[in-house]
Amino acid sequence: MAVLQIRHSTTYRYKRPVRFGEHRLMLRPKESYDQRVLSSTLSISPEPAELRYVHDVFGNCVGVVNFAHHASELRFESTVLLDHTPAPLVADSGEVVTLSTSLPFAYGAEDMPDLLRLIERQYLDPDRAVDAWSRRFIRWNGRTPALALLTEMTRAIHGEFTYARRLEAGTQSPAETLALGSGTCRDFAVLMMEAARSVGLAARFVSGYIYCPPRSEATVTHVGGGHTHAWVQVYLPSCGWVEFDPTNGIVGNKDLIRVAEVRDPRQAIPLSGAWDGAVEDYVGMEVEVDLRAQPLSSRKVA
């Protein structure tokens, strides 16, 4: 168990006061048996006329903000204290993963209606580059355990591709990532998501944060800290939703803090909104994410 403090600040600057439209925030971690919000504060400047929370179609927490005042600077700062208790994988606990999670297999009739959209491919693959890449991990002399296949995919992306931070919005297509051999965490998550879907597995995109322990304490160094992070979940009947971070070669949710789970990365934008003014009024945006461990005495109820 670890108590983690997440501070996420975003500041927009303009040459002169502008009018702000509705903004939507996805900053609060999604609570479950392995992560629990102990406290949460959100500071917004200028002060909003309205702040309300809703759950989107995936059950993610979304803050909806409206403003009444013009300003030349718009700032959001979220601070969350989180009880994070990574759960062991089925394989780690010594349980038997049945043949229903070996390829080829089919999801049960009770699950398939809810998983269909997460099995559908989202990106064109005219040269079948993703198909060819995913076939590398299939064992042709017998059944392929799905967990082993996904673990090998995770480690292959981590070991064979070059991580390059890119601040611009959007993702590369999986075919582009394969051709370039490099990408961001978002690009790697999309590649693995589509590779899993190419072999009939249901996969979804996860946006959140990664905890990078101090170098003096870490046995493995993670990349992706200081900003939001992205990885993928795949549904395995005997295991449930299992997390894979191809950027860091992580299988399971150790050091990963979920905020949003979606079908497509465009549905997991941490902060989005509109403003009204001349194009040249926009100066720029600054984002800072600080995630650090706290002593157990820091725990308190939200």
Protein backbone atom coordinates (compact mmCIF):
# COMPACT_ATOMS: atom_id res chain seq x y z
CA MET A 1 0.00 0.00 0.00
CA ALA A 2 1.15 3.54 -0.75
CA VAL A 3 -0.36 6.95 -0.15
CA LEU A 4 0.34 9.14 -3.17
CA GLN A 5 -0.19 12.87 -3.65
CA ILE A 6 -0.99 13.98 -7.18
CA ARG A 7 -0.82 17.67 -8.06
CA HIS A 8 -1.85 18.51 -11.61
CA SER A 9 -1.83 22.14 -12.73
CA THR A 10 -2.68 23.60 -16.14
CA THR A 11 -2.36 27.29 -17.01
CA TYR A 12 -3.54 29.01 -20.20
CA ARG A 13 -2.29 32.53 -20.96
CA TYR A 14 -3.64 35.18 -23.33
CA LYS A 15 -2.44 38.64 -24.43
CA ARG A 16 -5.70 40.26 -23.29
CA PRO A 17 -8.79 39.16 -21.38
CA VAL A 18 -10.89 36.62 -23.31
CA ARG A 19 -14.23 34.95 -22.69
CA PHE A 20 -14.25 31.27 -21.69
CA GLY A 21 -16.77 28.68 -22.77
CA GLU A 22 -17.54 25.39 -21.05
CA HIS A 23 -14.55 23.30 -19.93
CA ARG A 24 -14.52 19.59 -19.07
CA LEU A 25 -12.01 18.08 -16.64
CA MET A 26 -10.97 14.46 -16.23
CA LEU A 27 -8.54 14.68 -13.32
CA ARG A 28 -10.05 12.67 -10.44
CA PRO A 29 -8.74 9.08 -10.21
CA LYS A 30 -11.31 6.37 -10.79
CA GLU A 31 -11.97 4.61 -7.49
CA SER A 32 -11.89 0.83 -7.13
CA TYR A 33 -10.65 -1.90 -4.80
CA ASP A 34 -7.04 -0.98 -5.63
CA GLN A 35 -7.17 2.82 -5.49
CA ARG A 36 -9.21 5.07 -3.21
CA VAL A 37 -9.34 8.87 -3.08
CA LEU A 38 -8.65 10.07 0.46
CA SER A 39 -9.00 13.78 -0.29
CA SER A 40 -9.45 15.94 -3.35
CA THR A 41 -9.30 19.70 -3.94
CA LEU A 42 -9.72 21.68 -7.14
CA SER A 43 -8.66 25.32 -7.47
CA ILE A 44 -9.81 27.31 -10.53
CA SER A 45 -8.92 30.89 -11.43
CA PRO A 46 -10.87 32.93 -12.35
CA GLU A 47 -13.55 31.58 -10.05
CA PRO A 48 -16.14 29.69 -12.12
CA ALA A 49 -19.81 30.53 -12.22
CA GLU A 50 -20.60 26.80 -12.10
CA LEU A 51 -18.76 23.59 -11.26
CA ARG A 52 -20.60 20.28 -11.34
CA TYR A 53 -19.61 16.64 -11.73
CA VAL A 54 -21.07 13.94 -13.94
CA HIS A 55 -20.19 10.37 -14.88
CA ASP A 56 -19.61 9.75 -18.58
CA VAL A 57 -20.78 6.67 -20.48
CA PHE A 58 -17.78 4.70 -19.13
CA GLY A 59 -18.33 5.73 -15.51
CA ASN A 60 -15.41 8.17 -15.46
CA CYS A 61 -15.73 11.29 -13.29
CA VAL A 62 -15.98 14.47 -15.38
CA GLY A 63 -16.00 18.01 -13.99
CA VAL A 64 -18.02 20.52 -16.02
CA VAL A 65 -17.03 24.18 -15.54
CA ASN A 66 -18.66 27.39 -16.79
CA PHE A 67 -17.38 30.95 -16.39
CA ALA A 68 -18.95 34.39 -16.14
CA HIS A 69 -15.81 36.56 -16.22
CA HIS A 70 -13.20 37.41 -18.84
CA ALA A 71 -9.52 36.94 -17.94
CA SER A 72 -6.06 36.85 -19.51
CA GLU A 73 -5.08 33.73 -17.55
CA LEU A 74 -7.01 30.54 -16.85
CA ARG A 75 -5.61 28.15 -14.26
CA PHE A 76 -6.73 24.76 -12.95
CA GLU A 77 -4.96 23.00 -10.08
CA SER A 78 -6.08 19.60 -8.81
CA THR A 79 -4.57 18.01 -5.70
CA VAL A 80 -5.51 14.45 -4.82
CA LEU A 81 -4.38 12.19 -1.97
CA LEU A 82 -4.75 8.56 -3.05
CA ASP A 83 -4.53 5.22 -1.27
CA HIS A 84 -2.97 3.01 -3.97
CA THR A 85 -2.83 -0.76 -3.38
CA PRO A 86 -1.77 -2.63 -6.53
CA ALA A 87 -3.56 -5.96 -6.92
CA PRO A 88 -1.60 -9.11 -7.85
CA LEU A 89 -2.23 -10.69 -11.21
CA VAL A 90 -3.95 -14.05 -11.38
CA ALA A 91 -0.70 -15.59 -12.56
CA ASP A 92 1.16 -14.08 -9.62
CA SER A 93 -1.26 -15.51 -7.09
CA GLY A 94 -0.74 -19.07 -8.28
CA GLU A 95 -4.27 -19.55 -9.63
CA VAL A 96 -4.78 -21.50 -12.83
CA VAL A 97 -5.63 -19.47 -15.93
CA THR A 98 -8.03 -21.67 -17.85
CA LEU A 99 -7.95 -22.47 -21.56
CA SER A 100 -10.70 -19.90 -22.02
CA THR A 101 -7.91 -17.31 -21.89
CA SER A 102 -5.79 -19.03 -24.48
CA LEU A 103 -5.96 -18.24 -28.18
CA PRO A 104 -7.97 -18.99 -30.15
CA PHE A 105 -10.98 -18.46 -27.90
CA ALA A 106 -14.31 -16.65 -27.89
CA TYR A 107 -15.88 -14.56 -25.16
CA GLY A 108 -18.99 -15.97 -23.55
CA ALA A 109 -22.45 -15.03 -24.79
CA GLU A 110 -23.09 -13.02 -21.62
CA ASP A 111 -19.98 -10.86 -22.13
CA MET A 112 -19.90 -10.43 -25.91
CA PRO A 113 -22.66 -7.76 -26.23
CA ASP A 114 -20.76 -5.46 -23.86
CA LEU A 115 -17.34 -6.13 -25.39
CA LEU A 116 -18.12 -5.88 -29.11
CA ARG A 117 -17.20 -2.19 -29.51
CA LEU A 118 -13.95 -2.81 -27.64
CA ILE A 119 -12.98 -5.60 -30.06
CA GLU A 120 -13.67 -3.52 -33.18
CA ARG A 121 -10.60 -2.08 -34.86
CA GLN A 122 -10.50 1.73 -34.76
CA TYR A 123 -7.66 2.46 -37.20
CA LEU A 124 -7.14 1.57 -40.84
CA ASP A 125 -4.41 -0.98 -41.49
CA PRO A 126 -4.31 -1.21 -45.32
CA ASP A 127 -1.00 -3.06 -45.43
CA ARG A 128 -1.96 -5.25 -42.45
CA ALA A 129 1.17 -4.10 -40.62
CA VAL A 130 -0.49 -4.40 -37.21
CA ASP A 131 -1.78 -7.88 -38.07
CA ALA A 132 1.70 -8.98 -39.09
CA TRP A 133 3.25 -7.52 -35.94
CA SER A 134 0.76 -9.19 -33.60
CA ARG A 135 1.23 -12.58 -35.29
CA ARG A 136 4.83 -12.54 -34.07
CA PHE A 137 3.57 -13.49 -30.63
CA ILE A 138 1.25 -16.36 -31.59
CA ARG A 139 2.53 -19.89 -30.98
CA TRP A 140 1.84 -22.01 -34.02
CA ASN A 141 2.60 -25.33 -32.32
CA GLY A 142 -0.25 -25.13 -29.81
CA ARG A 143 -2.59 -22.81 -27.95
CA THR A 144 -1.24 -19.37 -27.04
CA PRO A 145 -1.95 -18.20 -23.47
CA ALA A 146 -3.43 -14.72 -23.86
CA LEU A 147 -1.69 -13.35 -20.77
CA ALA A 148 1.68 -14.54 -22.08
CA LEU A 149 1.01 -13.08 -25.54
CA LEU A 150 0.04 -9.69 -24.08
CA THR A 151 3.04 -9.68 -21.75
CA GLU A 152 5.36 -10.35 -24.71
CA MET A 153 3.72 -7.54 -26.70
CA THR A 154 4.18 -5.16 -23.77
CA ARG A 155 7.86 -6.02 -23.41
CA ALA A 156 8.49 -5.91 -27.16
CA ILE A 157 7.16 -2.34 -27.46
CA HIS A 158 9.15 -1.32 -24.39
CA GLY A 159 12.34 -2.92 -25.67
CA GLU A 160 12.17 -2.24 -29.40
CA PHE A 161 10.58 1.23 -29.69
CA THR A 162 11.94 4.64 -28.72
CA TYR A 163 9.92 6.79 -26.34
CA ALA A 164 9.65 10.44 -27.46
CA ARG A 165 7.49 12.93 -25.58
CA ARG A 166 5.18 14.95 -27.84
CA LEU A 167 3.06 17.73 -26.31
CA GLU A 168 0.74 18.17 -29.30
CA ALA A 169 -2.71 16.62 -28.96
CA GLY A 170 -3.66 13.46 -30.81
CA THR A 171 -2.03 10.11 -31.49
CA GLN A 172 -0.20 8.46 -34.32
CA SER A 173 -1.90 5.59 -36.08
CA PRO A 174 -0.54 2.16 -35.12
CA ALA A 175 0.89 1.78 -38.63
CA GLU A 176 2.77 5.07 -38.22
CA THR A 177 4.20 3.97 -34.87
CA LEU A 178 5.38 0.69 -36.38
CA ALA A 179 6.98 2.51 -39.33
CA LEU A 180 8.69 5.14 -37.15
CA GLY A 181 9.72 2.81 -34.34
CA SER A 182 9.03 5.62 -31.88
CA GLY A 183 6.17 7.42 -30.19
CA THR A 184 4.62 8.72 -27.00
CA CYS A 185 2.88 6.69 -24.33
CA ARG A 186 -0.41 7.43 -26.14
CA ASP A 187 0.96 6.04 -29.39
CA PHE A 188 2.27 2.89 -27.73
CA ALA A 189 -1.05 2.32 -25.93
CA VAL A 190 -2.98 2.67 -29.20
CA LEU A 191 -0.62 0.28 -30.99
CA MET A 192 -1.03 -2.39 -28.32
CA MET A 193 -4.77 -1.81 -28.09
CA GLU A 194 -5.17 -2.40 -31.83
CA ALA A 195 -2.78 -5.38 -31.75
CA ALA A 196 -4.89 -7.00 -29.01
CA ARG A 197 -8.06 -6.30 -31.00
CA SER A 198 -6.48 -7.86 -34.10
CA VAL A 199 -6.43 -11.24 -32.33
CA GLY A 200 -10.00 -10.89 -31.07
CA LEU A 201 -9.37 -9.47 -27.60
CA ALA A 202 -11.36 -6.62 -26.07
CA ALA A 203 -9.09 -3.69 -25.20
CA ARG A 204 -9.54 -0.15 -23.93
CA PHE A 205 -7.39 2.96 -23.56
CA VAL A 206 -6.46 4.16 -20.07
CA SER A 207 -5.41 7.69 -19.16
CA GLY A 208 -3.94 8.60 -15.79
CA TYR A 209 -0.62 9.03 -14.05
CA ILE A 210 2.50 7.00 -13.34
CA TYR A 211 4.39 7.14 -10.07
CA CYS A 212 8.15 7.38 -10.60
CA PRO A 213 9.91 6.48 -7.33
CA PRO A 214 13.01 8.51 -6.40
CA ARG A 215 16.14 7.11 -8.00
CA SER A 216 17.50 6.27 -4.56
CA GLU A 217 14.53 3.92 -4.00
CA ALA A 218 13.79 2.66 -7.50
CA THR A 219 14.94 -0.68 -8.87
CA VAL A 220 13.47 0.27 -12.27
CA THR A 221 13.23 3.77 -13.74
CA HIS A 222 9.91 4.70 -15.36
CA VAL A 223 9.33 7.24 -18.13
CA GLY A 224 6.18 9.30 -18.55
CA GLY A 225 6.25 11.16 -15.24
CA GLY A 226 5.69 14.91 -15.02
CA HIS A 227 2.67 14.68 -17.29
CA THR A 228 -0.39 12.51 -17.80
CA HIS A 229 0.32 8.93 -18.83
CA ALA A 230 -1.46 6.35 -21.01
CA TRP A 231 -1.60 2.56 -21.18
CA VAL A 232 -4.06 -0.19 -22.08
CA GLN A 233 -6.40 -2.69 -20.44
CA VAL A 234 -7.38 -6.03 -21.98
CA TYR A 235 -10.29 -8.17 -20.81
CA LEU A 236 -9.43 -11.80 -20.05
CA PRO A 237 -12.32 -13.97 -18.78
CA SER A 238 -10.34 -15.61 -15.97
CA CYS A 239 -8.57 -12.40 -14.94
CA GLY A 240 -10.92 -9.50 -15.66
CA TRP A 241 -9.45 -6.23 -16.93
CA VAL A 242 -5.65 -6.52 -16.88
CA GLU A 243 -3.41 -3.48 -17.32
CA PHE A 244 -0.40 -3.31 -19.65
CA ASP A 245 1.92 -0.31 -19.92
CA PRO A 246 4.03 -0.86 -23.05
CA THR A 247 5.93 2.39 -22.50
CA ASN A 248 7.51 1.00 -19.33
CA GLY A 249 7.04 -2.75 -19.81
CA ILE A 250 4.67 -2.96 -16.82
CA VAL A 251 2.13 -5.79 -16.53
CA GLY A 252 -0.42 -5.11 -13.79
CA ASN A 253 -1.19 -1.81 -12.11
CA LYS A 254 1.95 -1.23 -10.03
CA ASP A 255 2.71 2.52 -10.06
CA LEU A 256 -0.21 3.20 -12.45
CA ILE A 257 -3.06 5.47 -11.32
CA ARG A 258 -6.20 5.26 -13.47
CA VAL A 259 -8.28 8.35 -14.19
CA ALA A 260 -10.24 7.37 -17.31
CA GLU A 261 -10.96 4.12 -19.15
CA VAL A 262 -12.34 4.63 -22.67
CA ARG A 263 -12.80 3.01 -26.06
CA ASP A 264 -10.90 5.70 -27.98
CA PRO A 265 -8.16 8.09 -26.72
CA ARG A 266 -10.17 11.11 -27.86
CA GLN A 267 -12.64 10.29 -25.07
CA ALA A 268 -9.97 10.68 -22.35
CA ILE A 269 -8.70 14.24 -22.77
CA PRO A 270 -7.72 15.48 -19.27
CA LEU A 271 -8.81 19.08 -19.90
CA SER A 272 -10.74 20.53 -22.82
CA GLY A 273 -12.77 23.65 -23.45
CA ALA A 274 -13.40 26.72 -25.57
CA TRP A 275 -12.50 30.39 -25.44
CA ASP A 276 -13.64 33.40 -27.49
CA GLY A 277 -11.08 35.86 -28.80
CA ALA A 278 -8.64 36.53 -31.63
CA VAL A 279 -6.31 33.68 -32.57
CA GLU A 280 -3.27 35.85 -31.88
CA ASP A 281 -4.46 36.42 -28.29
CA TYR A 282 -3.39 32.91 -27.31
CA VAL A 283 0.07 32.90 -25.72
CA GLY A 284 0.44 29.29 -24.62
CA MET A 285 -0.24 26.55 -22.11
CA GLU A 286 1.81 25.13 -19.25
CA VAL A 287 1.13 21.74 -17.66
CA GLU A 288 2.81 20.40 -14.54
CA VAL A 289 2.21 17.06 -12.84
CA ASP A 290 3.89 16.26 -9.54
CA LEU A 291 3.29 12.80 -8.04
CA ARG A 292 5.01 11.76 -4.84
CA ALA A 293 4.62 9.28 -2.00
CA GLN A 294 3.32 10.57 1.33
CA PRO A 295 3.79 9.15 4.85
CA LEU A 296 0.91 6.99 6.05
CA SER A 297 0.00 9.64 8.63
CA SER A 298 -1.10 11.86 5.73
CA ARG A 299 -4.22 9.78 5.14
CA LYS A 300 -7.55 11.49 5.72
CA VAL A 301 -11.10 11.07 4.54
CA ALA A 302 -12.22 13.04 1.47
